[in-house]
Amino acid sequence: RNCCIFARFFYRSMSHNEPQWIVLYTKARAERKVVETLQKAGFEAFLPLRRERRKWSDRYKIVDVPVLPSYVFVRMPVLSVSKLYGTRGMAYVVKFGGEIAVVPDQQIESLRTMMQHDMQVTLHQTSLLKRHANVVVTGGDMKGCTGTVLKDCADGNFSINIEVLNYSFICTIDRSLLQVVD
């Protein structure tokens, strides 16, 4: 039997000197340029992309599009954020309650795993999801990813919730690959 789970992305304050995944908001359709600029400057940057079939006037084409339009992740110490200002195409550093939005490493790795395996991804507003038991995936492409079982898990979805951005990612996973954790 399949089951729905989601793992949360959230911001938390850790040591401001340690590299952390910081959320950036970019100008419209500037995500790739921002990532390229950050990487050239020596930063580790991540832009989740998904393949999508787009229609041109004379043909169809498969293109990579950002999963979260206008959002980019960069790994750096929070205290070094001032180095980002002036990056061409960047609008601002995402903050909540005056604190810089930080995503845990494990959640970025879960998102990368989903993107690397070309899993079907759909977005859902966080407010539509209900929470239940904490679980870890014990096998398959998503092995090691953690999350929470959704109340209605009959359709077999695994969702990774980026709480900072108020979105959730959905992909299919078998219930037999889930183990409850405390």
Protein backbone atom coordinates (compact mmCIF):
# COMPACT_ATOMS: atom_id res chain seq x y z
CA ARG A 1 0.00 0.00 0.00
CA ASN A 2 1.30 3.45 -0.89
CA CYS A 3 1.28 6.37 1.51
CA CYS A 4 1.69 10.17 1.27
CA ILE A 5 4.41 11.84 3.29
CA PHE A 6 6.06 15.23 3.33
CA ALA A 7 9.33 16.48 4.71
CA ARG A 8 9.50 20.07 5.82
CA PHE A 9 11.87 22.73 4.69
CA PHE A 10 12.00 25.43 7.31
CA TYR A 11 14.20 28.23 8.43
CA ARG A 12 16.08 27.92 11.68
CA SER A 13 18.85 29.84 13.27
CA MET A 14 22.06 27.88 13.54
CA SER A 15 25.57 29.23 13.83
CA HIS A 16 25.77 32.29 11.60
CA ASN A 17 29.39 31.35 10.74
CA GLU A 18 28.58 27.90 9.31
CA PRO A 19 27.53 27.59 5.64
CA GLN A 20 23.75 27.19 5.35
CA TRP A 21 21.27 27.11 2.47
CA ILE A 22 19.86 30.62 2.14
CA VAL A 23 16.79 31.38 0.01
CA LEU A 24 17.06 34.15 -2.60
CA TYR A 25 14.29 35.73 -4.64
CA THR A 26 15.25 36.72 -8.19
CA LYS A 27 13.83 38.99 -10.82
CA ALA A 28 11.47 37.32 -13.30
CA ARG A 29 13.17 34.59 -15.37
CA ALA A 30 16.61 35.46 -13.96
CA GLU A 31 17.12 32.28 -11.91
CA ARG A 32 19.72 30.67 -14.20
CA LYS A 33 21.72 33.89 -14.54
CA VAL A 34 21.78 34.38 -10.75
CA VAL A 35 22.96 30.78 -10.18
CA GLU A 36 25.64 31.14 -12.86
CA THR A 37 26.86 34.43 -11.37
CA LEU A 38 26.95 32.99 -7.84
CA GLN A 39 28.84 29.89 -8.98
CA LYS A 40 31.40 32.02 -10.84
CA ALA A 41 31.87 33.97 -7.59
CA GLY A 42 32.67 30.69 -5.79
CA PHE A 43 29.35 30.07 -4.04
CA GLU A 44 27.45 26.78 -4.09
CA ALA A 45 24.08 27.58 -5.66
CA PHE A 46 21.10 25.34 -6.42
CA LEU A 47 18.18 25.86 -8.79
CA PRO A 48 15.67 22.97 -8.81
CA LEU A 49 14.57 22.33 -12.40
CA ARG A 50 11.95 20.04 -13.91
CA ARG A 51 11.40 18.94 -17.49
CA GLU A 52 8.30 20.25 -19.16
CA ARG A 53 6.86 19.89 -22.65
CA ARG A 54 6.30 23.33 -24.19
CA LYS A 55 4.59 24.17 -27.46
CA TRP A 56 6.11 26.57 -29.94
CA SER A 57 4.17 27.74 -32.98
CA ASP A 58 5.63 24.97 -35.16
CA ARG A 59 6.73 22.25 -32.72
CA TYR A 60 6.87 20.87 -29.20
CA LYS A 61 10.06 21.00 -27.18
CA ILE A 62 11.16 19.57 -23.82
CA VAL A 63 12.65 22.35 -21.67
CA ASP A 64 13.99 22.62 -18.12
CA VAL A 65 11.94 25.08 -16.07
CA PRO A 66 12.42 26.18 -12.46
CA VAL A 67 10.29 24.22 -10.00
CA LEU A 68 9.95 27.37 -7.89
CA PRO A 69 9.94 30.36 -10.23
CA SER A 70 12.12 33.22 -8.96
CA TYR A 71 13.62 31.20 -6.07
CA VAL A 72 17.28 30.13 -5.83
CA PHE A 73 19.20 28.51 -2.97
CA VAL A 74 22.78 29.50 -2.10
CA ARG A 75 25.02 27.86 0.51
CA MET A 76 27.00 30.33 2.59
CA PRO A 77 27.35 31.65 6.15
CA VAL A 78 24.47 33.95 7.14
CA LEU A 79 27.02 36.57 8.20
CA SER A 80 28.30 36.74 4.60
CA VAL A 81 24.93 37.56 3.03
CA SER A 82 26.04 41.13 2.32
CA LYS A 83 28.32 39.69 -0.40
CA LEU A 84 25.20 38.77 -2.38
CA TYR A 85 23.88 42.30 -2.72
CA GLY A 86 24.56 43.65 -6.16
CA THR A 87 24.28 40.21 -7.78
CA ARG A 88 22.75 40.86 -11.16
CA GLY A 89 19.19 39.49 -11.34
CA MET A 90 18.77 39.00 -7.58
CA ALA A 91 15.83 40.86 -6.05
CA TYR A 92 16.33 40.13 -2.32
CA VAL A 93 17.26 37.62 0.37
CA VAL A 94 14.10 35.94 1.70
CA LYS A 95 13.40 36.68 5.37
CA PHE A 96 10.72 35.68 7.87
CA GLY A 97 10.17 37.68 11.02
CA GLY A 98 13.33 39.65 10.25
CA GLU A 99 15.44 36.46 10.14
CA ILE A 100 17.11 35.19 6.97
CA ALA A 101 15.28 32.11 5.62
CA VAL A 102 17.52 29.04 5.95
CA VAL A 103 16.76 25.54 4.61
CA PRO A 104 18.38 22.48 6.31
CA ASP A 105 20.98 20.56 4.26
CA GLN A 106 18.99 17.32 4.43
CA GLN A 107 15.96 18.95 2.82
CA ILE A 108 18.02 20.40 -0.05
CA GLU A 109 19.48 16.91 -0.60
CA SER A 110 15.96 15.42 -0.67
CA LEU A 111 14.94 18.00 -3.27
CA ARG A 112 18.09 17.29 -5.32
CA THR A 113 17.34 13.56 -5.20
CA MET A 114 13.85 14.16 -6.57
CA MET A 115 15.20 16.36 -9.37
CA GLN A 116 18.06 13.94 -10.30
CA HIS A 117 15.66 11.04 -10.74
CA ASP A 118 13.22 13.04 -12.89
CA MET A 119 10.37 12.29 -10.51
CA GLN A 120 7.02 13.76 -11.44
CA VAL A 121 6.67 16.87 -9.30
CA THR A 122 3.59 18.96 -8.65
CA LEU A 123 3.25 21.92 -6.31
CA HIS A 124 0.59 22.27 -3.63
CA GLN A 125 0.07 25.08 -1.17
CA THR A 126 1.25 23.98 2.29
CA SER A 127 -2.08 24.89 3.87
CA LEU A 128 -3.78 22.06 1.90
CA LEU A 129 -1.66 19.35 3.57
CA LYS A 130 -2.42 17.58 6.88
CA ARG A 131 0.30 16.09 9.11
CA HIS A 132 0.56 12.73 10.90
CA ALA A 133 3.51 10.42 11.76
CA ASN A 134 7.22 11.12 11.14
CA VAL A 135 8.81 8.62 8.71
CA VAL A 136 12.06 7.89 6.87
CA VAL A 137 12.31 6.32 3.40
CA THR A 138 14.24 3.04 3.71
CA GLY A 139 14.78 2.13 0.05
CA GLY A 140 14.62 3.25 -3.55
CA ASP A 141 15.74 6.55 -5.06
CA MET A 142 14.47 8.54 -2.06
CA LYS A 143 16.30 6.41 0.57
CA GLY A 144 17.20 8.50 3.61
CA CYS A 145 14.62 11.24 2.99
CA THR A 146 12.50 12.03 6.03
CA GLY A 147 8.99 13.37 6.25
CA THR A 148 5.55 13.15 7.76
CA VAL A 149 2.67 10.92 6.63
CA LEU A 150 -0.34 12.77 5.27
CA LYS A 151 -3.76 11.84 6.67
CA ASP A 152 -5.17 10.81 3.30
CA CYS A 153 -2.41 8.64 1.84
CA ALA A 154 -4.42 6.37 -0.46
CA ASP A 155 -2.90 7.83 -3.66
CA GLY A 156 0.73 6.99 -2.76
CA ASN A 157 2.29 10.44 -2.86
CA PHE A 158 5.47 11.56 -1.15
CA SER A 159 5.57 15.29 -0.71
CA ILE A 160 8.48 17.45 0.37
CA ASN A 161 7.22 20.68 1.85
CA ILE A 162 9.32 23.83 1.56
CA GLU A 163 7.63 25.67 4.39
CA VAL A 164 9.73 28.77 3.85
CA LEU A 165 8.23 29.19 0.40
CA ASN A 166 4.78 27.82 1.27
CA TYR A 167 4.93 25.07 -1.38
CA SER A 168 5.11 21.26 -1.32
CA PHE A 169 6.63 18.86 -3.82
CA ILE A 170 4.83 15.62 -4.64
CA CYS A 171 6.20 12.32 -6.01
CA THR A 172 5.06 8.69 -5.69
CA ILE A 173 6.55 6.27 -3.16
CA ASP A 174 5.50 2.83 -1.92
CA ARG A 175 4.39 2.49 1.72
CA SER A 176 6.61 -0.57 2.19
CA LEU A 177 9.63 1.77 1.82
CA LEU A 178 8.56 3.88 4.82
CA GLN A 179 9.63 3.40 8.44
CA VAL A 180 8.14 5.34 11.36
CA VAL A 181 10.63 7.36 13.43
CA ASP A 182 10.17 9.23 16.71
